[in-house]
Amino acid sequence: MKNHKKAGLKVTGIALVVILLTVWGIRVLRVNQQTPQVQTKITEVGEWFQWKENVKLRTGGVRFMENDEIRSLYRLDDDETEPFPGMIIKLMWVTVTFKNDSSKSADIDILDIGASTSGWSNIPDYDFYYKIGNPKRQHHFELESQEEVTMDLPYLFAKPNFRNGQWKKIEGKEYFLVTSLYPIKHMVKI
């Protein structure tokens, strides 16, 4: 009798789990059918594109800095607040130009502009942005009417985040700035 009760509870439990998984699967399918697929738009290096209502953006080049150059040029090893002690790092500096063609000022936040490639993505590194690249300009600023600003945005690579084979190939990959993800994924070639 006890065995029949246990077997009955087991069958009931399994049936309940199967029913719940089926309902969940149907709901996931419905949501996926109702949600449009992401469309991807790619802008070439040097081409302007409308980033925000009043702001156009374009990329103008990229350069990489190696660990030794970063540490000696910016004396990171002497800095007690250095966020990457003993870590091998690399920076990718992307030249970006913002242009406001409107009669109103526009709100810019550089942290809205991520860099990406297959298997890696990041936003501009806050520490290096202030320490090295743009010490007098906040990461969040107003772009005045008819103003055009060119700046370099730093993207950090830390060796512990990559396998050795990947680390050696970092500079050879194709990178994009990603300015939106959905419904249109807008990518600007670097």
N, C-alpha and C. Protein backbone atom coordinates (compact mmCIF):
# COMPACT_ATOMS: atom_id res chain seq x y z
N MET A 1 0.81 -1.19 0.00
CA MET A 1 0.00 0.00 0.00
C MET A 1 0.86 1.27 0.00
N LYS A 2 1.90 1.25 0.86
CA LYS A 2 2.79 2.40 0.93
C LYS A 2 3.50 2.62 -0.40
N ASN A 3 3.92 1.52 -1.03
CA ASN A 3 4.62 1.63 -2.31
C ASN A 3 3.71 2.21 -3.39
N HIS A 4 2.42 1.84 -3.36
CA HIS A 4 1.48 2.38 -4.34
C HIS A 4 1.29 3.88 -4.14
N LYS A 5 1.27 4.32 -2.85
CA LYS A 5 1.12 5.73 -2.55
C LYS A 5 2.33 6.52 -3.05
N LYS A 6 3.54 6.00 -2.77
CA LYS A 6 4.77 6.65 -3.22
C LYS A 6 4.83 6.71 -4.73
N ALA A 7 4.47 5.60 -5.37
CA ALA A 7 4.49 5.56 -6.84
C ALA A 7 3.48 6.55 -7.40
N GLY A 8 2.31 6.64 -6.79
CA GLY A 8 1.28 7.58 -7.24
C GLY A 8 1.73 9.02 -7.09
N LEU A 9 2.37 9.34 -5.97
CA LEU A 9 2.90 10.69 -5.75
C LEU A 9 4.00 11.02 -6.76
N LYS A 10 4.83 10.04 -7.03
CA LYS A 10 5.92 10.23 -7.98
C LYS A 10 5.38 10.50 -9.38
N VAL A 11 4.40 9.72 -9.82
CA VAL A 11 3.78 9.90 -11.13
C VAL A 11 3.08 11.26 -11.20
N THR A 12 2.38 11.63 -10.13
CA THR A 12 1.70 12.93 -10.09
C THR A 12 2.71 14.07 -10.17
N GLY A 13 3.81 13.96 -9.45
CA GLY A 13 4.87 14.98 -9.48
C GLY A 13 5.48 15.12 -10.86
N ILE A 14 5.78 13.98 -11.49
CA ILE A 14 6.35 14.00 -12.84
C ILE A 14 5.36 14.62 -13.82
N ALA A 15 4.09 14.24 -13.72
CA ALA A 15 3.06 14.79 -14.61
C ALA A 15 2.95 16.30 -14.42
N LEU A 16 3.01 16.77 -13.19
CA LEU A 16 2.92 18.19 -12.90
C LEU A 16 4.11 18.95 -13.52
N VAL A 17 5.31 18.40 -13.37
CA VAL A 17 6.50 19.01 -13.95
C VAL A 17 6.39 19.06 -15.47
N VAL A 18 5.93 17.98 -16.10
CA VAL A 18 5.76 17.95 -17.56
C VAL A 18 4.75 19.00 -18.01
N ILE A 19 3.65 19.12 -17.28
CA ILE A 19 2.62 20.11 -17.63
C ILE A 19 3.18 21.52 -17.50
N LEU A 20 3.89 21.80 -16.41
CA LEU A 20 4.47 23.13 -16.22
C LEU A 20 5.49 23.46 -17.31
N LEU A 21 6.34 22.50 -17.67
CA LEU A 21 7.32 22.72 -18.73
C LEU A 21 6.64 22.96 -20.08
N THR A 22 5.56 22.24 -20.35
CA THR A 22 4.82 22.43 -21.60
C THR A 22 4.21 23.82 -21.65
N VAL A 23 3.57 24.25 -20.57
CA VAL A 23 2.97 25.59 -20.53
C VAL A 23 4.06 26.65 -20.70
N TRP A 24 5.18 26.49 -20.01
CA TRP A 24 6.29 27.43 -20.13
C TRP A 24 6.80 27.48 -21.56
N GLY A 25 6.98 26.33 -22.20
CA GLY A 25 7.46 26.27 -23.58
C GLY A 25 6.52 26.98 -24.54
N ILE A 26 5.22 26.77 -24.37
CA ILE A 26 4.23 27.43 -25.23
C ILE A 26 4.31 28.95 -25.05
N ARG A 27 4.45 29.41 -23.81
CA ARG A 27 4.55 30.86 -23.55
C ARG A 27 5.80 31.45 -24.19
N VAL A 28 6.92 30.76 -24.09
CA VAL A 28 8.16 31.23 -24.70
C VAL A 28 8.00 31.33 -26.22
N LEU A 29 7.41 30.32 -26.84
CA LEU A 29 7.18 30.35 -28.28
C LEU A 29 6.30 31.53 -28.68
N ARG A 30 5.24 31.77 -27.94
CA ARG A 30 4.35 32.90 -28.25
C ARG A 30 5.08 34.24 -28.17
N VAL A 31 5.85 34.43 -27.12
CA VAL A 31 6.60 35.68 -26.97
C VAL A 31 7.59 35.84 -28.12
N ASN A 32 8.29 34.78 -28.47
CA ASN A 32 9.26 34.86 -29.56
C ASN A 32 8.59 35.14 -30.90
N GLN A 33 7.39 34.64 -31.11
CA GLN A 33 6.68 34.90 -32.36
C GLN A 33 6.14 36.32 -32.41
N GLN A 34 5.79 36.89 -31.27
CA GLN A 34 5.24 38.24 -31.23
C GLN A 34 6.32 39.32 -31.26
N THR A 35 7.53 38.99 -30.86
CA THR A 35 8.62 39.96 -30.80
C THR A 35 9.40 39.94 -32.10
N PRO A 36 9.50 41.09 -32.78
CA PRO A 36 10.25 41.12 -34.04
C PRO A 36 11.74 40.83 -33.82
N GLN A 37 12.35 40.23 -34.82
CA GLN A 37 13.78 39.96 -34.77
C GLN A 37 14.57 41.27 -34.83
N VAL A 38 15.76 41.27 -34.27
CA VAL A 38 16.63 42.43 -34.29
C VAL A 38 17.12 42.66 -35.72
N GLN A 39 17.07 43.90 -36.15
CA GLN A 39 17.65 44.27 -37.44
C GLN A 39 19.00 44.92 -37.15
N THR A 40 20.00 44.62 -37.97
CA THR A 40 21.33 45.17 -37.76
C THR A 40 21.65 46.19 -38.85
N LYS A 41 22.13 47.35 -38.42
CA LYS A 41 22.55 48.39 -39.35
C LYS A 41 24.00 48.71 -39.06
N ILE A 42 24.84 48.71 -40.09
CA ILE A 42 26.28 48.95 -39.92
C ILE A 42 26.66 50.22 -40.67
N THR A 43 27.39 51.11 -39.99
CA THR A 43 27.90 52.33 -40.59
C THR A 43 29.41 52.19 -40.73
N GLU A 44 29.94 52.63 -41.86
CA GLU A 44 31.38 52.52 -42.13
C GLU A 44 32.17 53.57 -41.36
N VAL A 45 33.47 53.35 -41.21
CA VAL A 45 34.37 54.30 -40.57
C VAL A 45 34.32 55.62 -41.35
N GLY A 46 34.23 56.72 -40.63
CA GLY A 46 34.24 58.04 -41.26
C GLY A 46 32.90 58.54 -41.74
N GLU A 47 31.89 57.69 -41.74
CA GLU A 47 30.55 58.12 -42.17
C GLU A 47 29.77 58.63 -40.97
N TRP A 48 29.03 59.72 -41.18
CA TRP A 48 28.15 60.24 -40.13
C TRP A 48 26.89 59.40 -40.07
N PHE A 49 26.37 59.22 -38.88
CA PHE A 49 25.04 58.63 -38.74
C PHE A 49 24.32 59.32 -37.60
N GLN A 50 23.00 59.35 -37.68
CA GLN A 50 22.18 60.02 -36.68
C GLN A 50 22.11 59.14 -35.44
N TRP A 51 22.85 59.51 -34.40
CA TRP A 51 22.90 58.71 -33.18
C TRP A 51 21.70 59.01 -32.29
N LYS A 52 21.50 60.26 -32.00
CA LYS A 52 20.37 60.71 -31.18
C LYS A 52 19.60 61.74 -31.99
N GLU A 53 18.53 62.23 -31.42
CA GLU A 53 17.67 63.17 -32.14
C GLU A 53 18.47 64.34 -32.74
N ASN A 54 19.37 64.93 -31.98
CA ASN A 54 20.11 66.10 -32.45
C ASN A 54 21.59 65.83 -32.70
N VAL A 55 22.03 64.60 -32.54
CA VAL A 55 23.46 64.33 -32.56
C VAL A 55 23.84 63.30 -33.62
N LYS A 56 24.86 63.66 -34.40
CA LYS A 56 25.46 62.72 -35.34
C LYS A 56 26.78 62.25 -34.75
N LEU A 57 27.19 61.06 -35.15
CA LEU A 57 28.42 60.46 -34.63
C LEU A 57 29.17 59.82 -35.78
N ARG A 58 30.49 59.85 -35.70
CA ARG A 58 31.32 59.09 -36.65
C ARG A 58 32.60 58.68 -35.95
N THR A 59 33.17 57.58 -36.44
CA THR A 59 34.46 57.12 -35.92
C THR A 59 35.55 57.59 -36.86
N GLY A 60 36.74 57.78 -36.30
CA GLY A 60 37.82 58.30 -37.12
C GLY A 60 39.12 57.55 -36.99
N GLY A 61 39.10 56.40 -36.38
CA GLY A 61 40.32 55.63 -36.27
C GLY A 61 40.46 54.96 -34.92
N VAL A 62 41.47 54.10 -34.84
CA VAL A 62 41.70 53.34 -33.62
C VAL A 62 43.20 53.13 -33.45
N ARG A 63 43.64 53.11 -32.20
CA ARG A 63 45.03 52.76 -31.91
C ARG A 63 45.05 51.96 -30.61
N PHE A 64 46.01 51.07 -30.51
CA PHE A 64 46.15 50.23 -29.32
C PHE A 64 47.37 50.67 -28.52
N MET A 65 47.26 50.58 -27.21
CA MET A 65 48.40 50.84 -26.33
C MET A 65 48.68 49.56 -25.55
N GLU A 66 49.95 49.20 -25.52
CA GLU A 66 50.38 48.00 -24.81
C GLU A 66 50.60 48.29 -23.33
N ASN A 67 50.65 47.26 -22.54
CA ASN A 67 50.79 47.33 -21.09
C ASN A 67 51.96 48.21 -20.66
N ASP A 68 53.16 47.97 -21.19
CA ASP A 68 54.34 48.72 -20.76
C ASP A 68 54.20 50.20 -21.06
N GLU A 69 53.68 50.52 -22.24
CA GLU A 69 53.49 51.92 -22.62
C GLU A 69 52.49 52.61 -21.69
N ILE A 70 51.41 51.94 -21.38
CA ILE A 70 50.39 52.50 -20.49
C ILE A 70 50.98 52.76 -19.11
N ARG A 71 51.68 51.77 -18.58
CA ARG A 71 52.21 51.88 -17.22
C ARG A 71 53.31 52.93 -17.11
N SER A 72 54.20 53.02 -18.08
CA SER A 72 55.28 54.01 -17.98
C SER A 72 54.78 55.41 -18.31
N LEU A 73 53.98 55.56 -19.33
CA LEU A 73 53.50 56.87 -19.74
C LEU A 73 52.61 57.51 -18.67
N TYR A 74 51.82 56.71 -18.02
CA TYR A 74 50.87 57.25 -17.05
C TYR A 74 51.21 56.88 -15.62
N ARG A 75 52.41 56.34 -15.40
CA ARG A 75 52.93 56.03 -14.07
C ARG A 75 51.93 55.27 -13.21
N LEU A 76 51.33 54.27 -13.78
CA LEU A 76 50.32 53.51 -13.05
C LEU A 76 50.92 52.75 -11.87
N ASP A 77 52.16 52.29 -12.03
CA ASP A 77 52.76 51.52 -10.94
C ASP A 77 53.02 52.38 -9.70
N ASP A 78 53.11 53.71 -9.88
CA ASP A 78 53.32 54.62 -8.76
C ASP A 78 52.00 55.06 -8.12
N ASP A 79 50.92 54.75 -8.77
CA ASP A 79 49.59 55.20 -8.33
C ASP A 79 49.00 54.18 -7.36
N GLU A 80 48.79 54.60 -6.12
CA GLU A 80 48.24 53.69 -5.11
C GLU A 80 46.79 53.32 -5.37
N THR A 81 46.10 54.15 -6.15
CA THR A 81 44.68 53.89 -6.44
C THR A 81 44.50 53.10 -7.73
N GLU A 82 45.61 52.65 -8.32
CA GLU A 82 45.53 51.95 -9.60
C GLU A 82 44.60 50.74 -9.49
N PRO A 83 43.60 50.66 -10.37
CA PRO A 83 42.61 49.58 -10.26
C PRO A 83 43.07 48.22 -10.80
N PHE A 84 44.25 48.17 -11.46
CA PHE A 84 44.70 46.93 -12.08
C PHE A 84 46.11 46.55 -11.65
N PRO A 85 46.40 46.48 -10.36
CA PRO A 85 47.77 46.22 -9.93
C PRO A 85 48.28 44.86 -10.41
N GLY A 86 49.43 44.90 -11.09
CA GLY A 86 50.06 43.67 -11.55
C GLY A 86 49.40 42.99 -12.72
N MET A 87 48.32 43.52 -13.21
CA MET A 87 47.58 42.90 -14.30
C MET A 87 48.11 43.40 -15.65
N ILE A 88 48.20 42.51 -16.62
CA ILE A 88 48.60 42.91 -17.97
C ILE A 88 47.35 43.44 -18.67
N ILE A 89 47.46 44.67 -19.15
CA ILE A 89 46.30 45.31 -19.78
C ILE A 89 46.68 45.88 -21.15
N LYS A 90 45.67 46.22 -21.89
CA LYS A 90 45.82 46.83 -23.20
C LYS A 90 44.66 47.81 -23.35
N LEU A 91 44.90 48.94 -24.00
CA LEU A 91 43.83 49.90 -24.25
C LEU A 91 43.61 50.05 -25.75
N MET A 92 42.36 50.14 -26.14
CA MET A 92 42.00 50.47 -27.51
C MET A 92 41.40 51.87 -27.46
N TRP A 93 42.07 52.83 -28.11
CA TRP A 93 41.58 54.21 -28.16
C TRP A 93 40.85 54.41 -29.48
N VAL A 94 39.58 54.77 -29.38
CA VAL A 94 38.75 54.98 -30.57
C VAL A 94 38.46 56.48 -30.69
N THR A 95 38.81 57.06 -31.83
CA THR A 95 38.52 58.47 -32.07
C THR A 95 37.08 58.60 -32.55
N VAL A 96 36.32 59.41 -31.83
CA VAL A 96 34.90 59.60 -32.11
C VAL A 96 34.62 61.10 -32.22
N THR A 97 33.79 61.47 -33.18
CA THR A 97 33.35 62.86 -33.32
C THR A 97 31.85 62.93 -33.16
N PHE A 98 31.41 63.86 -32.32
CA PHE A 98 29.98 64.13 -32.12
C PHE A 98 29.69 65.48 -32.77
N LYS A 99 28.56 65.59 -33.45
CA LYS A 99 28.18 66.86 -34.08
C LYS A 99 26.70 67.13 -33.82
N ASN A 100 26.42 68.33 -33.33
CA ASN A 100 25.05 68.75 -33.07
C ASN A 100 24.65 69.76 -34.14
N ASP A 101 23.80 69.34 -35.08
CA ASP A 101 23.35 70.21 -36.17
C ASP A 101 22.09 70.99 -35.84
N SER A 102 21.56 70.80 -34.66
CA SER A 102 20.27 71.40 -34.33
C SER A 102 20.45 72.77 -33.66
N SER A 103 19.33 73.38 -33.33
CA SER A 103 19.35 74.68 -32.65
C SER A 103 19.27 74.51 -31.13
N LYS A 104 19.22 73.28 -30.66
CA LYS A 104 19.14 72.99 -29.22
C LYS A 104 20.39 72.24 -28.78
N SER A 105 20.72 72.37 -27.50
CA SER A 105 21.84 71.58 -26.99
C SER A 105 21.40 70.12 -26.85
N ALA A 106 22.37 69.23 -26.82
CA ALA A 106 22.07 67.80 -26.75
C ALA A 106 22.85 67.17 -25.60
N ASP A 107 22.26 66.17 -24.99
CA ASP A 107 22.84 65.45 -23.87
C ASP A 107 23.68 64.29 -24.40
N ILE A 108 24.95 64.23 -24.00
CA ILE A 108 25.86 63.16 -24.43
C ILE A 108 26.37 62.42 -23.20
N ASP A 109 26.33 61.11 -23.25
CA ASP A 109 26.96 60.28 -22.22
C ASP A 109 27.78 59.22 -22.95
N ILE A 110 29.10 59.34 -22.84
CA ILE A 110 29.96 58.42 -23.58
C ILE A 110 29.83 56.98 -23.10
N LEU A 111 29.29 56.79 -21.90
CA LEU A 111 29.11 55.43 -21.40
C LEU A 111 27.98 54.70 -22.13
N ASP A 112 27.24 55.41 -22.97
CA ASP A 112 26.20 54.79 -23.80
C ASP A 112 26.78 54.14 -25.06
N ILE A 113 28.08 54.29 -25.28
CA ILE A 113 28.69 53.82 -26.52
C ILE A 113 29.63 52.66 -26.21
N GLY A 114 29.17 51.46 -26.39
CA GLY A 114 29.98 50.28 -26.13
C GLY A 114 30.78 49.87 -27.36
N ALA A 115 31.89 49.20 -27.14
CA ALA A 115 32.67 48.62 -28.23
C ALA A 115 32.46 47.11 -28.17
N SER A 116 32.51 46.47 -29.34
CA SER A 116 32.18 45.05 -29.38
C SER A 116 32.90 44.35 -30.53
N THR A 117 33.16 43.07 -30.32
CA THR A 117 33.60 42.15 -31.36
C THR A 117 33.10 40.78 -30.92
N SER A 118 33.35 39.76 -31.70
CA SER A 118 32.86 38.44 -31.29
C SER A 118 33.54 38.02 -29.99
N GLY A 119 32.75 37.72 -28.99
CA GLY A 119 33.27 37.23 -27.72
C GLY A 119 33.72 38.30 -26.74
N TRP A 120 33.55 39.58 -27.07
CA TRP A 120 33.99 40.65 -26.16
C TRP A 120 33.15 41.89 -26.39
N SER A 121 32.80 42.56 -25.31
CA SER A 121 32.19 43.89 -25.41
C SER A 121 32.49 44.64 -24.12
N ASN A 122 32.51 45.97 -24.22
CA ASN A 122 32.85 46.79 -23.08
C ASN A 122 32.38 48.21 -23.33
N ILE A 123 32.24 48.99 -22.25
CA ILE A 123 31.97 50.41 -22.38
C ILE A 123 33.29 51.15 -22.17
N PRO A 124 33.36 52.45 -22.49
CA PRO A 124 34.62 53.17 -22.25
C PRO A 124 35.05 53.04 -20.80
N ASP A 125 36.34 52.86 -20.60
CA ASP A 125 36.86 52.71 -19.25
C ASP A 125 36.88 54.07 -18.55
N TYR A 126 36.15 54.14 -17.48
CA TYR A 126 35.95 55.38 -16.73
C TYR A 126 37.27 55.95 -16.21
N ASP A 127 38.11 55.10 -15.61
CA ASP A 127 39.37 55.56 -15.03
C ASP A 127 40.29 56.15 -16.08
N PHE A 128 40.49 55.43 -17.17
CA PHE A 128 41.40 55.91 -18.20
C PHE A 128 40.81 57.09 -18.96
N TYR A 129 39.51 57.17 -19.06
CA TYR A 129 38.88 58.31 -19.72
C TYR A 129 39.30 59.61 -19.02
N TYR A 130 39.23 59.62 -17.69
CA TYR A 130 39.59 60.83 -16.94
C TYR A 130 41.09 60.99 -16.76
N LYS A 131 41.75 59.90 -16.45
CA LYS A 131 43.18 59.96 -16.12
C LYS A 131 44.02 60.35 -17.34
N ILE A 132 43.64 59.87 -18.50
CA ILE A 132 44.49 60.00 -19.66
C ILE A 132 43.82 60.79 -20.78
N GLY A 133 42.66 60.34 -21.18
CA GLY A 133 42.07 60.84 -22.41
C GLY A 133 41.46 62.21 -22.36
N ASN A 134 40.63 62.46 -21.37
CA ASN A 134 39.84 63.69 -21.37
C ASN A 134 39.69 64.23 -19.94
N PRO A 135 40.79 64.64 -19.32
CA PRO A 135 40.72 65.03 -17.92
C PRO A 135 39.82 66.24 -17.64
N LYS A 136 39.57 67.08 -18.66
CA LYS A 136 38.78 68.29 -18.44
C LYS A 136 37.33 68.14 -18.88
N ARG A 137 36.97 67.04 -19.50
CA ARG A 137 35.59 66.88 -19.99
C ARG A 137 34.94 65.70 -19.27
N GLN A 138 33.80 65.98 -18.65
CA GLN A 138 33.04 64.93 -17.97
C GLN A 138 32.56 63.89 -18.99
N HIS A 139 32.29 62.69 -18.52
CA HIS A 139 31.79 61.66 -19.44
C HIS A 139 30.35 61.94 -19.86
N HIS A 140 29.67 62.76 -19.08
CA HIS A 140 28.29 63.14 -19.39
C HIS A 140 28.29 64.65 -19.56
N PHE A 141 27.99 65.15 -20.77
CA PHE A 141 28.11 66.59 -21.02
C PHE A 141 27.06 67.06 -22.02
N GLU A 142 26.93 68.38 -22.12
CA GLU A 142 26.02 69.00 -23.08
C GLU A 142 26.81 69.37 -24.33
N LEU A 143 26.29 68.99 -25.47
CA LEU A 143 26.86 69.39 -26.76
C LEU A 143 26.01 70.55 -27.26
N GLU A 144 26.62 71.72 -27.30
CA GLU A 144 25.87 72.93 -27.65
C GLU A 144 25.42 72.89 -29.11
N SER A 145 24.46 73.75 -29.42
CA SER A 145 23.95 73.86 -30.78
C SER A 145 25.09 74.17 -31.74
N GLN A 146 25.15 73.44 -32.84
CA GLN A 146 26.16 73.60 -33.90
C GLN A 146 27.58 73.26 -33.44
N GLU A 147 27.73 72.63 -32.30
CA GLU A 147 29.05 72.28 -31.78
C GLU A 147 29.47 70.91 -32.31
N GLU A 148 30.78 70.77 -32.53
CA GLU A 148 31.37 69.50 -32.95
C GLU A 148 32.54 69.21 -32.02
N VAL A 149 32.57 68.01 -31.46
CA VAL A 149 33.61 67.62 -30.50
C VAL A 149 34.22 66.30 -30.94
N THR A 150 35.56 66.26 -30.98
CA THR A 150 36.27 65.02 -31.28
C THR A 150 37.02 64.60 -30.02
N MET A 151 36.92 63.32 -29.68
CA MET A 151 37.61 62.81 -28.49
C MET A 151 38.00 61.36 -28.71
N ASP A 152 38.91 60.90 -27.86
CA ASP A 152 39.32 59.50 -27.88
C ASP A 152 38.68 58.78 -26.71
N LEU A 153 38.03 57.65 -26.99
CA LEU A 153 37.39 56.85 -25.96
C LEU A 153 38.24 55.60 -25.70
N PRO A 154 38.59 55.33 -24.42
CA PRO A 154 39.43 54.17 -24.10
C PRO A 154 38.59 52.93 -23.76
N TYR A 155 38.93 51.83 -24.38
CA TYR A 155 38.29 50.55 -24.07
C TYR A 155 39.37 49.61 -23.55
N LEU A 156 39.13 49.04 -22.39
CA LEU A 156 40.13 48.25 -21.67
C LEU A 156 40.03 46.77 -21.98
N PHE A 157 41.19 46.15 -22.16
CA PHE A 157 41.31 44.70 -22.27
C PHE A 157 42.22 44.26 -21.13
N ALA A 158 41.78 43.32 -20.32
CA ALA A 158 42.60 42.77 -19.24
C ALA A 158 42.92 41.31 -19.58
N LYS A 159 44.20 40.98 -19.56
CA LYS A 159 44.63 39.65 -20.00
C LYS A 159 43.93 38.49 -19.29
N PRO A 160 43.62 38.57 -17.98
CA PRO A 160 42.94 37.44 -17.34
C PRO A 160 41.58 37.10 -17.95
N ASN A 161 41.01 38.03 -18.72
CA ASN A 161 39.71 37.78 -19.35
C ASN A 161 39.81 37.04 -20.68
N PHE A 162 41.04 36.72 -21.12
CA PHE A 162 41.25 36.10 -22.42
C PHE A 162 42.16 34.88 -22.29
N ARG A 163 41.93 33.91 -23.16
CA ARG A 163 42.89 32.81 -23.27
C ARG A 163 44.10 33.34 -24.04
N ASN A 164 45.26 32.69 -23.89
CA ASN A 164 46.48 33.17 -24.54
C ASN A 164 46.32 33.34 -26.04
N GLY A 165 45.68 32.38 -26.69
CA GLY A 165 45.49 32.48 -28.13
C GLY A 165 44.65 33.69 -28.51
N GLN A 166 43.64 34.00 -27.71
CA GLN A 166 42.79 35.15 -27.98
C GLN A 166 43.53 36.46 -27.71
N TRP A 167 44.31 36.49 -26.64
CA TRP A 167 45.02 37.71 -26.26
C TRP A 167 45.95 38.18 -27.38
N LYS A 168 46.60 37.25 -28.04
CA LYS A 168 47.54 37.60 -29.10
C LYS A 168 46.84 38.12 -30.35
N LYS A 169 45.56 37.83 -30.50
CA LYS A 169 44.82 38.22 -31.71
C LYS A 169 43.93 39.46 -31.52
N ILE A 170 44.01 40.09 -30.37
CA ILE A 170 43.11 41.21 -30.06
C ILE A 170 43.18 42.31 -31.12
N GLU A 171 44.37 42.70 -31.50
CA GLU A 171 44.51 43.83 -32.42
C GLU A 171 44.10 43.49 -33.85
N GLY A 172 43.96 42.24 -34.18
CA GLY A 172 43.60 41.85 -35.54
C GLY A 172 42.11 41.68 -35.77
N LYS A 173 41.31 41.82 -34.73
CA LYS A 173 39.86 41.61 -34.87
C LYS A 173 39.17 42.85 -35.43
N GLU A 174 37.95 42.64 -35.93
CA GLU A 174 37.14 43.76 -36.40
C GLU A 174 36.25 44.21 -35.24
N TYR A 175 36.31 45.50 -34.93
CA TYR A 175 35.55 46.06 -33.81
C TYR A 175 34.48 47.02 -34.30
N PHE A 176 33.45 47.15 -33.48
CA PHE A 176 32.35 48.06 -33.76
C PHE A 176 32.01 48.84 -32.50
N LEU A 177 31.55 50.07 -32.67
CA LEU A 177 30.89 50.76 -31.58
C LEU A 177 29.43 50.40 -31.69
N VAL A 178 28.82 50.03 -30.59
CA VAL A 178 27.41 49.65 -30.58
C VAL A 178 26.65 50.75 -29.84
N THR A 179 25.70 51.37 -30.54
CA THR A 179 24.98 52.50 -29.95
C THR A 179 23.54 52.17 -29.60
N SER A 180 23.01 51.08 -30.11
CA SER A 180 21.67 50.62 -29.73
C SER A 180 21.59 49.12 -30.00
N LEU A 181 20.71 48.44 -29.26
CA LEU A 181 20.60 46.99 -29.39
C LEU A 181 19.26 46.52 -29.94
N TYR A 182 18.17 47.26 -29.65
CA TYR A 182 16.86 46.78 -30.09
C TYR A 182 15.93 47.97 -30.29
N PRO A 183 15.09 47.99 -31.24
CA PRO A 183 14.78 46.99 -32.27
C PRO A 183 15.81 46.95 -33.39
N ILE A 184 16.62 48.04 -33.49
CA ILE A 184 17.69 48.05 -34.49
C ILE A 184 19.02 48.08 -33.74
N LYS A 185 19.86 47.11 -34.04
CA LYS A 185 21.21 47.09 -33.47
C LYS A 185 22.08 47.92 -34.40
N HIS A 186 22.49 49.10 -33.91
CA HIS A 186 23.31 49.97 -34.75
C HIS A 186 24.76 49.83 -34.36
N MET A 187 25.58 49.47 -35.35
CA MET A 187 27.01 49.26 -35.12
C MET A 187 27.79 50.16 -36.07
N VAL A 188 28.83 50.80 -35.54
CA VAL A 188 29.69 51.66 -36.34
C VAL A 188 31.06 51.00 -36.39
N LYS A 189 31.57 50.77 -37.59
CA LYS A 189 32.89 50.15 -37.71
C LYS A 189 33.95 51.08 -37.13
N ILE A 190 34.93 50.44 -36.50
CA ILE A 190 36.06 51.19 -35.92
C ILE A 190 37.23 51.05 -36.87
